[in-house]
């Protein structure tokens, strides 16, 4: 199997430290083994290496991120460059063409796609072999990984399995379940109902046979050659893999994962994994509870008498937000082309 890490997004929900200029996966705010801090990219690469999978990994990214990737990993990762950002379906399509026409990977090879910001334990990466086996055993077009929810949440999308009654007569396999549909970030009551249907959180991790994706490209009139697809990249729909391949597809299965998974795409979830209440120059008063400061500026930030607040300060701006409301800031941010381009200085 081959692994493709998607590292092209901007992660503007972690503004002001993450933006279209410097993406969230490069923020060195997570505690690293032995002390110090590491980024999401460094963490997942370290875990893949520990599982002996780093030699199977390709990183799909934009040209503007290649230098940061090589600098942070301090190694020679295989990088697949997108001519421009267009969403996950074009990125996965280009990576598939690269594997086929440049790397000469056999068409029957399994390709597993992972987002770079998945926060999991080290044992998770041994689960990927199960995803490969399930795909081959089931004959499905795509196998997804679904995390067992620890409660009803509207932060994530859900994978809903086919009801037992609808699957009657079909042989059961405890390693995977057929997929009925997807529900994107429901309200709490809807999430509670989904849990009763044994729905799982959608981790954004999926596997497919290379030949199946190439067949889709060919049927839609796109080239399978990497160089040619790069030239025609603007023709690919600016759309997600979910929309183009998963929605309405009856040939999907889901492999359950029960050991814990988190998406670090918001300040609320990221703050739960920070090693300290203060990163950078600042102080949180003793009468404040569950608060964090992440400060990249050369001026102090003081937080006094508040609960459940995140303060993030950098050259691009300052955010002060209640943690459970921080995700709302995406509606207030300017469009990427209106953002003033500055050089961001990461927290040491």
C-alpha atoms as a PDB file:
ATOM      1  CA  UNK A   1       0.000   0.000   0.000  1.00  0.00           C
ATOM      2  CA  UNK A   2       1.003   3.611  -0.566  1.00  0.00           C
ATOM      3  CA  UNK A   3       0.085   6.499   1.719  1.00  0.00           C
ATOM      4  CA  UNK A   4      -0.759  10.033   0.599  1.00  0.00           C
ATOM      5  CA  UNK A   5      -0.677  12.803   3.200  1.00  0.00           C
ATOM      6  CA  UNK A   6      -2.848  15.769   2.240  1.00  0.00           C
ATOM      7  CA  UNK A   7      -1.053  18.943   3.311  1.00  0.00           C
ATOM      8  CA  UNK A   8      -2.538  21.596   1.077  1.00  0.00           C
ATOM      9  CA  UNK A   9      -5.145  23.308   3.251  1.00  0.00           C
ATOM     10  CA  UNK A  10      -4.739  26.646   4.979  1.00  0.00           C
ATOM     11  CA  UNK A  11      -6.552  25.915   8.241  1.00  0.00           C
ATOM     12  CA  UNK A  12      -7.935  29.421   8.684  1.00  0.00           C
ATOM     13  CA  UNK A  13      -9.967  28.270  11.716  1.00  0.00           C
ATOM     14  CA  UNK A  14      -6.670  28.589  13.623  1.00  0.00           C
ATOM     15  CA  UNK A  15      -6.336  32.276  12.674  1.00  0.00           C
ATOM     16  CA  UNK A  16      -4.320  34.394  13.299  1.00  0.00           C
ATOM     17  CA  UNK A  17      -1.427  31.933  13.575  1.00  0.00           C
ATOM     18  CA  UNK A  18      -2.651  29.871  10.647  1.00  0.00           C
ATOM     19  CA  UNK A  19      -3.723  31.405   7.369  1.00  0.00           C
ATOM     20  CA  UNK A  20      -3.426  31.045   3.619  1.00  0.00           C
ATOM     21  CA  UNK A  21       0.214  32.111   4.032  1.00  0.00           C
ATOM     22  CA  UNK A  22       1.234  29.684   6.785  1.00  0.00           C
ATOM     23  CA  UNK A  23      -0.970  26.624   7.240  1.00  0.00           C
ATOM     24  CA  UNK A  24      -1.975  25.069  10.552  1.00  0.00           C
ATOM     25  CA  UNK A  25       0.072  21.896  10.046  1.00  0.00           C
ATOM     26  CA  UNK A  26       3.299  23.890  10.459  1.00  0.00           C
ATOM     27  CA  UNK A  27       2.465  25.468  13.839  1.00  0.00           C
ATOM     28  CA  UNK A  28       4.962  24.079  16.360  1.00  0.00           C
ATOM     29  CA  UNK A  29       2.692  24.077  19.397  1.00  0.00           C
ATOM     30  CA  UNK A  30       2.232  20.365  20.235  1.00  0.00           C
ATOM     31  CA  UNK A  31       4.342  18.758  22.982  1.00  0.00           C
ATOM     32  CA  UNK A  32       7.136  16.625  21.509  1.00  0.00           C
ATOM     33  CA  UNK A  33       8.636  13.485  23.086  1.00  0.00           C
ATOM     34  CA  UNK A  34      11.572  14.375  25.296  1.00  0.00           C
ATOM     35  CA  UNK A  35      10.529  18.015  25.569  1.00  0.00           C
ATOM     36  CA  UNK A  36      10.154  20.873  23.136  1.00  0.00           C
ATOM     37  CA  UNK A  37       7.358  21.333  20.644  1.00  0.00           C
ATOM     38  CA  UNK A  38       6.481  19.919  17.261  1.00  0.00           C
ATOM     39  CA  UNK A  39       3.989  20.668  14.495  1.00  0.00           C
ATOM     40  CA  UNK A  40       1.137  18.460  13.281  1.00  0.00           C
ATOM     41  CA  UNK A  41       3.259  17.582  10.263  1.00  0.00           C
ATOM     42  CA  UNK A  42       6.254  16.636  12.401  1.00  0.00           C
ATOM     43  CA  UNK A  43       4.097  14.581  14.748  1.00  0.00           C
ATOM     44  CA  UNK A  44       2.409  12.472  12.069  1.00  0.00           C
ATOM     45  CA  UNK A  45       5.695  11.959  10.195  1.00  0.00           C
ATOM     46  CA  UNK A  46       7.367  10.817  13.422  1.00  0.00           C
ATOM     47  CA  UNK A  47       4.531   8.348  14.035  1.00  0.00           C
ATOM     48  CA  UNK A  48       4.609   7.032  10.471  1.00  0.00           C
ATOM     49  CA  UNK A  49       8.367   6.547  10.778  1.00  0.00           C
ATOM     50  CA  UNK A  50       7.968   4.686  14.077  1.00  0.00           C
ATOM     51  CA  UNK A  51       5.482   2.347  12.370  1.00  0.00           C
ATOM     52  CA  UNK A  52       7.970   1.739   9.529  1.00  0.00           C
ATOM     53  CA  UNK A  53       5.686   3.396   6.970  1.00  0.00           C
ATOM     54  CA  UNK A  54       7.599   6.573   6.089  1.00  0.00           C
ATOM     55  CA  UNK A  55       9.101   4.961   2.970  1.00  0.00           C
ATOM     56  CA  UNK A  56       5.551   4.417   1.648  1.00  0.00           C
ATOM     57  CA  UNK A  57       4.466   8.045   2.152  1.00  0.00           C
ATOM     58  CA  UNK A  58       3.950  10.796  -0.433  1.00  0.00           C
ATOM     59  CA  UNK A  59       2.932  14.326   0.579  1.00  0.00           C
ATOM     60  CA  UNK A  60       0.471  16.161  -1.668  1.00  0.00           C
ATOM     61  CA  UNK A  61       0.859  19.906  -1.236  1.00  0.00           C
ATOM     62  CA  UNK A  62       1.108  23.267  -2.973  1.00  0.00           C
ATOM     63  CA  UNK A  63       4.369  24.724  -4.225  1.00  0.00           C
ATOM     64  CA  UNK A  64       4.265  27.375  -1.499  1.00  0.00           C
ATOM     65  CA  UNK A  65       4.447  24.726   1.228  1.00  0.00           C
ATOM     66  CA  UNK A  66       7.209  22.520  -0.166  1.00  0.00           C
ATOM     67  CA  UNK A  67      10.044  24.475   1.437  1.00  0.00           C
ATOM     68  CA  UNK A  68       8.387  24.430   4.882  1.00  0.00           C
ATOM     69  CA  UNK A  69       7.764  20.677   4.622  1.00  0.00           C
ATOM     70  CA  UNK A  70      11.398  19.928   3.824  1.00  0.00           C
ATOM     71  CA  UNK A  71      12.606  22.331   6.512  1.00  0.00           C
ATOM     72  CA  UNK A  72      10.438  20.871   9.260  1.00  0.00           C
ATOM     73  CA  UNK A  73      11.007  17.216   8.422  1.00  0.00           C
ATOM     74  CA  UNK A  74      14.728  17.640   7.736  1.00  0.00           C
ATOM     75  CA  UNK A  75      14.589  14.628   5.479  1.00  0.00           C
ATOM     76  CA  UNK A  76      13.776  13.915   1.858  1.00  0.00           C
ATOM     77  CA  UNK A  77      10.019  13.257   1.746  1.00  0.00           C
ATOM     78  CA  UNK A  78       8.485  12.553  -1.636  1.00  0.00           C
ATOM     79  CA  UNK A  79       6.374  15.594  -2.444  1.00  0.00           C
ATOM     80  CA  UNK A  80       3.671  15.846  -5.101  1.00  0.00           C
ATOM     81  CA  UNK A  81       3.121  19.471  -6.085  1.00  0.00           C
ATOM     82  CA  UNK A  82      -0.315  20.849  -6.975  1.00  0.00           C
ATOM     83  CA  UNK A  83      -0.148  23.739  -9.478  1.00  0.00           C
ATOM     84  CA  UNK A  84      -2.802  25.520  -7.379  1.00  0.00           C
ATOM     85  CA  UNK A  85      -5.161  24.781  -4.494  1.00  0.00           C
ATOM     86  CA  UNK A  86      -8.373  23.200  -5.717  1.00  0.00           C
ATOM     87  CA  UNK A  87      -9.688  20.866  -2.946  1.00  0.00           C
ATOM     88  CA  UNK A  88      -9.241  17.204  -2.115  1.00  0.00           C
ATOM     89  CA  UNK A  89     -10.573  15.524  -5.272  1.00  0.00           C
ATOM     90  CA  UNK A  90      -8.058  17.255  -7.580  1.00  0.00           C
ATOM     91  CA  UNK A  91      -5.263  16.667  -5.043  1.00  0.00           C
ATOM     92  CA  UNK A  92      -6.016  12.935  -4.770  1.00  0.00           C
ATOM     93  CA  UNK A  93      -6.387  12.652  -8.553  1.00  0.00           C
ATOM     94  CA  UNK A  94      -3.007  14.295  -9.180  1.00  0.00           C
ATOM     95  CA  UNK A  95      -1.343  12.097  -6.555  1.00  0.00           C
ATOM     96  CA  UNK A  96      -2.839   9.015  -8.212  1.00  0.00           C
ATOM     97  CA  UNK A  97      -1.532  10.059 -11.620  1.00  0.00           C
ATOM     98  CA  UNK A  98       1.905  10.609 -10.061  1.00  0.00           C
ATOM     99  CA  UNK A  99       1.950   7.157  -8.474  1.00  0.00           C
ATOM    100  CA  UNK A 100       0.890   5.547 -11.743  1.00  0.00           C
ATOM    101  CA  UNK A 101       2.928   7.399 -14.373  1.00  0.00           C
ATOM    102  CA  UNK A 102       5.996   8.580 -12.417  1.00  0.00           C
ATOM    103  CA  UNK A 103       6.452   5.952  -9.710  1.00  0.00           C
ATOM    104  CA  UNK A 104       5.088   3.099 -11.861  1.00  0.00           C
ATOM    105  CA  UNK A 105       2.986   1.767  -8.990  1.00  0.00           C
ATOM    106  CA  UNK A 106       0.871  -1.248 -10.099  1.00  0.00           C
ATOM    107  CA  UNK A 107      -2.778  -0.307 -10.795  1.00  0.00           C
ATOM    108  CA  UNK A 108      -4.066  -2.818  -8.214  1.00  0.00           C
ATOM    109  CA  UNK A 109      -2.081  -1.180  -5.403  1.00  0.00           C
ATOM    110  CA  UNK A 110      -4.046   0.242  -2.482  1.00  0.00           C
ATOM    111  CA  UNK A 111      -3.715   3.980  -1.873  1.00  0.00           C
ATOM    112  CA  UNK A 112      -4.599   5.318   1.575  1.00  0.00           C
ATOM    113  CA  UNK A 113      -5.218   9.042   1.977  1.00  0.00           C
ATOM    114  CA  UNK A 114      -4.740  10.763   5.347  1.00  0.00           C
ATOM    115  CA  UNK A 115      -5.130  14.389   6.423  1.00  0.00           C
ATOM    116  CA  UNK A 116      -1.986  15.784   7.989  1.00  0.00           C
ATOM    117  CA  UNK A 117      -3.844  17.070  11.069  1.00  0.00           C
ATOM    118  CA  UNK A 118      -5.202  13.753  12.404  1.00  0.00           C
ATOM    119  CA  UNK A 119      -4.335  13.462  16.113  1.00  0.00           C
ATOM    120  CA  UNK A 120      -4.052   9.776  17.051  1.00  0.00           C
ATOM    121  CA  UNK A 121      -1.865   7.490  19.132  1.00  0.00           C
ATOM    122  CA  UNK A 122       1.026   5.547  17.651  1.00  0.00           C
ATOM    123  CA  UNK A 123      -0.954   2.288  17.472  1.00  0.00           C
ATOM    124  CA  UNK A 124      -3.347   3.863  14.996  1.00  0.00           C
ATOM    125  CA  UNK A 125      -0.924   3.501  12.102  1.00  0.00           C
ATOM    126  CA  UNK A 126      -0.973  -0.270  12.359  1.00  0.00           C
ATOM    127  CA  UNK A 127      -4.728   0.003  11.683  1.00  0.00           C
ATOM    128  CA  UNK A 128      -3.975   1.104   8.136  1.00  0.00           C
ATOM    129  CA  UNK A 129      -3.083  -2.465   7.153  1.00  0.00           C
ATOM    130  CA  UNK A 130      -6.603  -3.479   8.254  1.00  0.00           C
ATOM    131  CA  UNK A 131      -8.040  -0.815   5.976  1.00  0.00           C
ATOM    132  CA  UNK A 132      -6.066  -2.313   3.085  1.00  0.00           C
ATOM    133  CA  UNK A 133      -7.278  -5.854   3.885  1.00  0.00           C
ATOM    134  CA  UNK A 134     -10.902  -4.762   4.238  1.00  0.00           C
ATOM    135  CA  UNK A 135     -10.823  -3.023   0.869  1.00  0.00           C
ATOM    136  CA  UNK A 136      -9.502  -6.144  -0.842  1.00  0.00           C
ATOM    137  CA  UNK A 137     -11.823  -8.580   0.943  1.00  0.00           C
ATOM    138  CA  UNK A 138     -14.991  -6.546   0.429  1.00  0.00           C
ATOM    139  CA  UNK A 139     -14.623  -5.621  -3.228  1.00  0.00           C
ATOM    140  CA  UNK A 140     -15.721  -2.085  -2.314  1.00  0.00           C
ATOM    141  CA  UNK A 141     -14.547   0.922  -4.300  1.00  0.00           C
ATOM    142  CA  UNK A 142     -13.556   2.880  -1.190  1.00  0.00           C
ATOM    143  CA  UNK A 143     -12.909   1.850   2.416  1.00  0.00           C
ATOM    144  CA  UNK A 144     -13.197   4.582   5.048  1.00  0.00           C
ATOM    145  CA  UNK A 145     -11.987   4.709   8.615  1.00  0.00           C
ATOM    146  CA  UNK A 146     -14.610   5.692  11.167  1.00  0.00           C
ATOM    147  CA  UNK A 147     -13.802   6.685  14.749  1.00  0.00           C
ATOM    148  CA  UNK A 148     -16.080   5.561  17.551  1.00  0.00           C
ATOM    149  CA  UNK A 149     -17.631   8.757  19.021  1.00  0.00           C
ATOM    150  CA  UNK A 150     -17.057   9.474  22.698  1.00  0.00           C
ATOM    151  CA  UNK A 151     -20.375  11.347  22.738  1.00  0.00           C
ATOM    152  CA  UNK A 152     -22.724  13.371  20.524  1.00  0.00           C
ATOM    153  CA  UNK A 153     -20.804  16.162  18.840  1.00  0.00           C
ATOM    154  CA  UNK A 154     -21.542  18.651  16.109  1.00  0.00           C
ATOM    155  CA  UNK A 155     -17.848  19.245  15.387  1.00  0.00           C
ATOM    156  CA  UNK A 156     -17.453  16.275  13.038  1.00  0.00           C
ATOM    157  CA  UNK A 157     -19.119  14.588  10.102  1.00  0.00           C
ATOM    158  CA  UNK A 158     -20.655  11.133  10.579  1.00  0.00           C
ATOM    159  CA  UNK A 159     -20.536   7.886   8.628  1.00  0.00           C
ATOM    160  CA  UNK A 160     -23.853   6.052   8.948  1.00  0.00           C
ATOM    161  CA  UNK A 161     -23.723   2.258   8.420  1.00  0.00           C
ATOM    162  CA  UNK A 162     -26.382   0.338   6.535  1.00  0.00           C
ATOM    163  CA  UNK A 163     -29.050  -0.778   9.063  1.00  0.00           C
ATOM    164  CA  UNK A 164     -28.877  -4.435  10.066  1.00  0.00           C
ATOM    165  CA  UNK A 165     -32.321  -5.104   8.571  1.00  0.00           C
ATOM    166  CA  UNK A 166     -31.299  -3.652   5.200  1.00  0.00           C
ATOM    167  CA  UNK A 167     -28.155  -5.785   5.186  1.00  0.00           C
ATOM    168  CA  UNK A 168     -30.066  -8.994   5.934  1.00  0.00           C
ATOM    169  CA  UNK A 169     -28.976 -11.895   3.790  1.00  0.00           C
ATOM    170  CA  UNK A 170     -25.506 -10.495   3.234  1.00  0.00           C
ATOM    171  CA  UNK A 171     -22.555 -12.152   4.984  1.00  0.00           C
ATOM    172  CA  UNK A 172     -21.327 -10.142   7.966  1.00  0.00           C
ATOM    173  CA  UNK A 173     -17.689  -9.279   8.516  1.00  0.00           C
ATOM    174  CA  UNK A 174     -16.743  -7.899  11.931  1.00  0.00           C
ATOM    175  CA  UNK A 175     -13.822  -5.995  10.392  1.00  0.00           C
ATOM    176  CA  UNK A 176     -16.029  -3.565   8.429  1.00  0.00           C
ATOM    177  CA  UNK A 177     -19.599  -2.428   7.773  1.00  0.00           C
ATOM    178  CA  UNK A 178     -21.291  -1.218   4.569  1.00  0.00           C
ATOM    179  CA  UNK A 179     -21.934   2.532   4.441  1.00  0.00           C
ATOM    180  CA  UNK A 180     -25.431   3.923   4.046  1.00  0.00           C
ATOM    181  CA  UNK A 181     -24.865   7.699   4.016  1.00  0.00           C
ATOM    182  CA  UNK A 182     -22.985  10.662   5.458  1.00  0.00           C
ATOM    183  CA  UNK A 183     -24.182  13.440   7.773  1.00  0.00           C
ATOM    184  CA  UNK A 184     -22.137  16.621   8.065  1.00  0.00           C
ATOM    185  CA  UNK A 185     -21.796  18.296  11.506  1.00  0.00           C
ATOM    186  CA  UNK A 186     -25.306  17.740  12.903  1.00  0.00           C
ATOM    187  CA  UNK A 187     -26.993  19.505  15.803  1.00  0.00           C
ATOM    188  CA  UNK A 188     -26.712  17.761  19.181  1.00  0.00           C
ATOM    189  CA  UNK A 189     -30.114  16.019  19.039  1.00  0.00           C
ATOM    190  CA  UNK A 190     -29.416  14.749  15.549  1.00  0.00           C
ATOM    191  CA  UNK A 191     -25.984  13.574  16.698  1.00  0.00           C
ATOM    192  CA  UNK A 192     -27.599  11.643  19.561  1.00  0.00           C
ATOM    193  CA  UNK A 193     -29.899   9.902  17.081  1.00  0.00           C
ATOM    194  CA  UNK A 194     -26.921   9.050  14.875  1.00  0.00           C
ATOM    195  CA  UNK A 195     -25.142   7.371  17.780  1.00  0.00           C
ATOM    196  CA  UNK A 196     -28.148   5.073  18.184  1.00  0.00           C
ATOM    197  CA  UNK A 197     -27.589   4.075  14.545  1.00  0.00           C
ATOM    198  CA  UNK A 198     -23.972   3.133  15.379  1.00  0.00           C
ATOM    199  CA  UNK A 199     -22.719   6.060  13.277  1.00  0.00           C
ATOM    200  CA  UNK A 200     -19.009   6.883  13.441  1.00  0.00           C
ATOM    201  CA  UNK A 201     -17.041  10.090  13.093  1.00  0.00           C
ATOM    202  CA  UNK A 202     -15.640  10.600   9.621  1.00  0.00           C
ATOM    203  CA  UNK A 203     -11.852  10.818  10.025  1.00  0.00           C
ATOM    204  CA  UNK A 204     -11.238  11.862   6.421  1.00  0.00           C
ATOM    205  CA  UNK A 205      -9.099   8.730   6.000  1.00  0.00           C
ATOM    206  CA  UNK A 206      -9.919   6.429   3.105  1.00  0.00           C
ATOM    207  CA  UNK A 207      -8.448   3.752   0.865  1.00  0.00           C
ATOM    208  CA  UNK A 208      -9.006   2.848  -2.792  1.00  0.00           C
ATOM    209  CA  UNK A 209      -7.365   0.803  -5.499  1.00  0.00           C
ATOM    210  CA  UNK A 210      -5.310   2.969  -7.775  1.00  0.00           C
ATOM    211  CA  UNK A 211      -6.985   1.501 -10.865  1.00  0.00           C
ATOM    212  CA  UNK A 212     -10.453   2.558  -9.663  1.00  0.00           C
ATOM    213  CA  UNK A 213      -9.486   6.216  -9.327  1.00  0.00           C
ATOM    214  CA  UNK A 214      -7.660   6.156 -12.655  1.00  0.00           C
ATOM    215  CA  UNK A 215     -10.771   4.669 -14.296  1.00  0.00           C
ATOM    216  CA  UNK A 216     -12.837   7.547 -12.942  1.00  0.00           C
ATOM    217  CA  UNK A 217     -10.390  10.052 -14.391  1.00  0.00           C
ATOM    218  CA  UNK A 218     -10.335   8.322 -17.748  1.00  0.00           C
ATOM    219  CA  UNK A 219     -14.143   8.088 -17.903  1.00  0.00           C
ATOM    220  CA  UNK A 220     -14.389  11.845 -17.226  1.00  0.00           C
ATOM    221  CA  UNK A 221     -11.906  12.653 -20.000  1.00  0.00           C
ATOM    222  CA  UNK A 222      -8.893  13.485 -17.836  1.00  0.00           C
ATOM    223  CA  UNK A 223      -5.365  12.175 -18.514  1.00  0.00           C
ATOM    224  CA  UNK A 224      -3.718   9.566 -16.288  1.00  0.00           C
ATOM    225  CA  UNK A 225      -0.279  10.985 -17.010  1.00  0.00           C
ATOM    226  CA  UNK A 226       1.002  13.191 -14.175  1.00  0.00           C
ATOM    227  CA  UNK A 227       2.664  15.882 -16.299  1.00  0.00           C
ATOM    228  CA  UNK A 228      -0.362  16.181 -18.560  1.00  0.00           C
ATOM    229  CA  UNK A 229      -2.794  16.266 -15.644  1.00  0.00           C
ATOM    230  CA  UNK A 230      -0.715  19.041 -14.098  1.00  0.00           C
ATOM    231  CA  UNK A 231      -1.149  21.048 -17.291  1.00  0.00           C
ATOM    232  CA  UNK A 232      -4.887  20.383 -17.259  1.00  0.00           C
ATOM    233  CA  UNK A 233      -5.277  20.770 -13.497  1.00  0.00           C
ATOM    234  CA  UNK A 234      -7.568  23.776 -13.921  1.00  0.00           C
ATOM    235  CA  UNK A 235     -10.099  21.498 -15.628  1.00  0.00           C
ATOM    236  CA  UNK A 236     -10.584  19.293 -12.585  1.00  0.00           C
ATOM    237  CA  UNK A 237     -13.629  20.236 -10.492  1.00  0.00           C
ATOM    238  CA  UNK A 238     -12.829  22.383  -7.486  1.00  0.00           C
ATOM    239  CA  UNK A 239     -14.561  19.911  -5.249  1.00  0.00           C
ATOM    240  CA  UNK A 240     -13.941  17.458  -2.409  1.00  0.00           C
ATOM    241  CA  UNK A 241     -13.311  13.741  -2.764  1.00  0.00           C
ATOM    242  CA  UNK A 242     -16.441  13.241  -0.647  1.00  0.00           C
ATOM    243  CA  UNK A 243     -18.651  15.023  -3.176  1.00  0.00           C
ATOM    244  CA  UNK A 244     -17.069  13.581  -6.309  1.00  0.00           C
ATOM    245  CA  UNK A 245     -16.630   9.959  -5.205  1.00  0.00           C
ATOM    246  CA  UNK A 246     -18.300   9.126  -1.898  1.00  0.00           C
ATOM    247  CA  UNK A 247     -21.732  10.745  -1.924  1.00  0.00           C
ATOM    248  CA  UNK A 248     -24.349   8.439  -3.410  1.00  0.00           C
ATOM    249  CA  UNK A 249     -21.793   5.653  -3.881  1.00  0.00           C
ATOM    250  CA  UNK A 250     -23.193   2.218  -2.921  1.00  0.00           C
ATOM    251  CA  UNK A 251     -19.767   0.541  -2.946  1.00  0.00           C
ATOM    252  CA  UNK A 252     -18.409   1.933   0.313  1.00  0.00           C
ATOM    253  CA  UNK A 253     -17.386   0.232   3.548  1.00  0.00           C
ATOM    254  CA  UNK A 254     -16.206   1.592   6.884  1.00  0.00           C
ATOM    255  CA  UNK A 255     -13.594   0.081   9.212  1.00  0.00           C
ATOM    256  CA  UNK A 256     -14.324   1.067  12.839  1.00  0.00           C
ATOM    257  CA  UNK A 257     -11.540   2.508  14.977  1.00  0.00           C
ATOM    258  CA  UNK A 258     -12.032   2.513  18.763  1.00  0.00           C
ATOM    259  CA  UNK A 259      -8.788   3.893  20.192  1.00  0.00           C
ATOM    260  CA  UNK A 260      -9.368   7.640  19.952  1.00  0.00           C
ATOM    261  CA  UNK A 261      -9.099  10.186  17.164  1.00  0.00           C
ATOM    262  CA  UNK A 262      -9.223  13.968  17.056  1.00  0.00           C
ATOM    263  CA  UNK A 263      -9.185  16.623  14.364  1.00  0.00           C
ATOM    264  CA  UNK A 264      -6.972  19.516  15.499  1.00  0.00           C
ATOM    265  CA  UNK A 265      -8.571  21.961  13.087  1.00  0.00           C
ATOM    266  CA  UNK A 266     -10.060  24.346  15.670  1.00  0.00           C
ATOM    267  CA  UNK A 267      -8.689  26.250  18.649  1.00  0.00           C
ATOM    268  CA  UNK A 268     -11.068  24.356  20.918  1.00  0.00           C
ATOM    269  CA  UNK A 269      -9.696  20.911  20.015  1.00  0.00           C
ATOM    270  CA  UNK A 270      -6.084  22.057  19.614  1.00  0.00           C
ATOM    271  CA  UNK A 271      -6.039  23.747  23.014  1.00  0.00           C
ATOM    272  CA  UNK A 272      -6.805  20.385  24.665  1.00  0.00           C
ATOM    273  CA  UNK A 273      -3.447  19.052  23.453  1.00  0.00           C
ATOM    274  CA  UNK A 274      -1.188  22.009  24.300  1.00  0.00           C
ATOM    275  CA  UNK A 275       1.490  21.186  26.842  1.00  0.00           C
ATOM    276  CA  UNK A 276       1.172  24.486  28.704  1.00  0.00           C
ATOM    277  CA  UNK A 277      -1.433  27.166  29.366  1.00  0.00           C
ATOM    278  CA  UNK A 278       0.994  29.743  27.960  1.00  0.00           C
ATOM    279  CA  UNK A 279       3.125  29.495  24.827  1.00  0.00           C
ATOM    280  CA  UNK A 280       5.180  32.638  24.232  1.00  0.00           C
ATOM    281  CA  UNK A 281       5.193  35.771  26.380  1.00  0.00           C
ATOM    282  CA  UNK A 282       2.205  35.925  28.680  1.00  0.00           C
ATOM    283  CA  UNK A 283       0.549  34.952  31.926  1.00  0.00           C
ATOM    284  CA  UNK A 284      -2.788  33.485  33.023  1.00  0.00           C
ATOM    285  CA  UNK A 285      -4.040  34.565  36.438  1.00  0.00           C
ATOM    286  CA  UNK A 286      -4.745  32.002  39.164  1.00  0.00           C
ATOM    287  CA  UNK A 287      -8.466  32.812  39.131  1.00  0.00           C
ATOM    288  CA  UNK A 288      -8.759  31.919  35.428  1.00  0.00           C
ATOM    289  CA  UNK A 289      -9.716  28.360  34.517  1.00  0.00           C
ATOM    290  CA  UNK A 290      -9.205  26.312  31.357  1.00  0.00           C
ATOM    291  CA  UNK A 291      -7.543  29.165  29.467  1.00  0.00           C
ATOM    292  CA  UNK A 292      -4.657  29.261  27.001  1.00  0.00           C
ATOM    293  CA  UNK A 293      -2.419  31.912  25.523  1.00  0.00           C
ATOM    294  CA  UNK A 294      -0.477  31.284  22.321  1.00  0.00           C
ATOM    295  CA  UNK A 295       1.555  34.401  21.630  1.00  0.00           C
ATOM    296  CA  UNK A 296       4.009  34.970  18.780  1.00  0.00           C
ATOM    297  CA  UNK A 297       4.364  38.698  19.417  1.00  0.00           C
ATOM    298  CA  UNK A 298       7.201  40.427  21.259  1.00  0.00           C
ATOM    299  CA  UNK A 299       4.770  41.990  23.728  1.00  0.00           C
ATOM    300  CA  UNK A 300       3.171  40.350  26.774  1.00  0.00           C
ATOM    301  CA  UNK A 301      -0.402  39.072  26.870  1.00  0.00           C
ATOM    302  CA  UNK A 302      -2.117  38.916  30.280  1.00  0.00           C
ATOM    303  CA  UNK A 303      -5.343  37.001  30.868  1.00  0.00           C
ATOM    304  CA  UNK A 304      -7.174  37.770  34.130  1.00  0.00           C
ATOM    305  CA  UNK A 305     -10.387  36.461  35.691  1.00  0.00           C
ATOM    306  CA  UNK A 306     -11.720  34.538  32.680  1.00  0.00           C
ATOM    307  CA  UNK A 307     -12.782  30.944  32.064  1.00  0.00           C
ATOM    308  CA  UNK A 308     -12.632  28.766  28.928  1.00  0.00           C
ATOM    309  CA  UNK A 309     -10.905  31.397  26.797  1.00  0.00           C
ATOM    310  CA  UNK A 310      -8.245  31.118  24.100  1.00  0.00           C
ATOM    311  CA  UNK A 311      -6.024  34.086  23.221  1.00  0.00           C
ATOM    312  CA  UNK A 312      -3.922  33.706  20.067  1.00  0.00           C
ATOM    313  CA  UNK A 313      -1.708  36.595  19.000  1.00  0.00           C
ATOM    314  CA  UNK A 314       0.533  36.943  15.970  1.00  0.00           C
ATOM    315  CA  UNK A 315       1.603  39.428  13.268  1.00  0.00           C
ATOM    316  CA  UNK A 316      -1.623  38.700  11.380  1.00  0.00           C
ATOM    317  CA  UNK A 317      -3.920  39.670  14.234  1.00  0.00           C
ATOM    318  CA  UNK A 318      -5.166  38.852  17.736  1.00  0.00           C
ATOM    319  CA  UNK A 319      -7.965  36.440  18.608  1.00  0.00           C
ATOM    320  CA  UNK A 320      -9.793  36.466  21.945  1.00  0.00           C
ATOM    321  CA  UNK A 321     -12.565  33.883  22.020  1.00  0.00           C
ATOM    322  CA  UNK A 322     -14.527  31.545  24.197  1.00  0.00           C
ATOM    323  CA  UNK A 323     -13.203  28.122  23.261  1.00  0.00           C
ATOM    324  CA  UNK A 324     -16.531  26.603  22.279  1.00  0.00           C
ATOM    325  CA  UNK A 325     -17.261  29.603  20.028  1.00  0.00           C
ATOM    326  CA  UNK A 326     -13.835  29.996  18.413  1.00  0.00           C
ATOM    327  CA  UNK A 327     -14.916  28.121  15.296  1.00  0.00           C
ATOM    328  CA  UNK A 328     -17.319  30.955  14.465  1.00  0.00           C
ATOM    329  CA  UNK A 329     -14.426  33.237  13.565  1.00  0.00           C
ATOM    330  CA  UNK A 330     -14.204  31.727  10.055  1.00  0.00           C
ATOM    331  CA  UNK A 331     -17.292  33.769   9.150  1.00  0.00           C
ATOM    332  CA  UNK A 332     -15.488  36.988  10.127  1.00  0.00           C
ATOM    333  CA  UNK A 333     -12.224  36.467   8.273  1.00  0.00           C
ATOM    334  CA  UNK A 334     -11.395  38.243   5.006  1.00  0.00           C
ATOM    335  CA  UNK A 335     -11.083  36.256   1.807  1.00  0.00           C
ATOM    336  CA  UNK A 336      -7.562  34.853   1.259  1.00  0.00           C
ATOM    337  CA  UNK A 337      -6.891  37.262  -1.606  1.00  0.00           C
ATOM    338  CA  UNK A 338      -7.681  40.203   0.705  1.00  0.00           C
ATOM    339  CA  UNK A 339      -5.291  39.073   3.416  1.00  0.00           C
ATOM    340  CA  UNK A 340      -2.184  41.177   3.824  1.00  0.00           C
ATOM    341  CA  UNK A 341       0.856  39.026   3.097  1.00  0.00           C
ATOM    342  CA  UNK A 342       3.357  39.090   5.967  1.00  0.00           C
ATOM    343  CA  UNK A 343       6.142  36.858   7.123  1.00  0.00           C
ATOM    344  CA  UNK A 344       4.905  34.910  10.136  1.00  0.00           C
ATOM    345  CA  UNK A 345       7.322  34.181  12.967  1.00  0.00           C
ATOM    346  CA  UNK A 346       6.603  30.832  14.661  1.00  0.00           C
ATOM    347  CA  UNK A 347       6.644  30.356  18.430  1.00  0.00           C
ATOM    348  CA  UNK A 348      10.125  29.169  19.469  1.00  0.00           C
END
